Amino acid sequence: MKFIHTADWQLGKPFGRFDEERRSALTQARFDVIDRIGQHAKNHDVRHVLVAGDVFDTEGPQDRTIAQALTRMERYPCCWWLLPGNHDFARNHGLWDRVRARLGRGQVGEVKLLTEAVPHEIEDGVWLLPAPLLGRHTQDDPTAVFDTMQTPQARLRIGLAHGGITQFTQGHDASAENLIAPNRAHLSALDYLALGDWHGRLKIDARTWYSGTPEVDRFHPAEGRDRPGEVLLVTLSPEQEPDVQVLSTGRYRWIEQSWMVDGLTSYCAQLERFLAGVDVPETLLRLKLAGMMDLSQRVAILSALENDIADRLMFLEAQTDDIFGRPGEEDLALLDGEGMLALAAQKLKARIEYGGEEGRIARKALERLIVEYKRVEHS
């Protein structure tokens, strides 16, 4: 049988660091990805979509967020199995009761809520074993319950859970709670264990996978984590290893890069190589620049960042404190004949040569003086 494995939709995420225009676009993209998943299910003749937790970003999303999610799911001819995760854990009179009250208003699809740890026979002899989280954190392995689940005449046993498989590297999304045994698939005789919580695709073993998020929602420095959003198309056969295919779903890419530059030419060359490999309007870039150059070159790079690439990308966060500018004679020559400005520039240059914290502040002040002078001169 075939199914789609996905997780960590984080619907309703506020994206508070962005302006209103970008917040709206990023929020909409998380709803739109449901349609991409549904279309993949239709194109690949998939009857089941397994969502391994954190469907919603919080246990208290707005009613519209719930309605939008269900409306989109229910218009595709498949069954969506939704598991509570640590962001949207199951509790009495909580989020999932609100979701349940809105079910059945759609067209052709079906949505199933896995708020209890009981097995479901989703096809003849194919059993789905869910491990919903009943709180944000638990000290016990939430998948240990799989060992006691009865699955009569099972051809296939599929586990669905949310949590860390082990203590991941620093910066992992999960805390030390909700840890899952790394050999759970073997311990519980699972043909496949579909996991959520790690926001990038990750293979633990042949039968244990994290699907990652279908629409990326943050910067992450870990290698391979700047891929677009994805889901997994899984094909299972008794006594055979799963066949797992990656399907692209994401719209936006969140990329972190560090560039060493020694001037405007060096910066432009690296920028050109970067832009050639991305869809520019749908890329969010966190860029760290470092290097030593003439002050005029540093000013030119800062101007290019602010007035060109920042407007072309979906979002740019540029860290430029490690670009050091040496004020040259050509920089000071701009101010010749400008009276007090020229005098201030000479005094700042002397402070820069003195060094220390005062030198650092003086360098920034001289740079700002030149930037503002150029701006006025060309206005």
Foldseek 3Di string as FASTA:
>chain_A
DKEWFAEQLQQQDQPVVDDPVLSVVQNVQSLVLLLVRLVVCVVVVNAEYEYQENNHQAFDHDLVSLVSNQQNQQAHQHEYEYAHALRNADDPPTSVVSSVVPFDPYDHYHYHYCNDQAWDDPDVQEIEGEQHHNHNFDADQSLVCLQVYDRPNHQAYEYGHEAACAPDDPPQQHDRGNHHPLCSCVVNVHLAYEYERGQFWDDSDLRYIYQHHLEDDDDDPDPRNQDGGWMWMWDDGGPDGIDIDIDHRYQATEDEDEDEDAFDVRVVVVVVVVVVPDPAQRYAYEYEYAYEYALVRVLVVVCCCVPPSCVRHVHYHYHYLRYHHQHDPVLLVVCPPVPPLSVLLVVLNVQLVVDDPSNSVSRVVNSVSSNVVVVVVVD
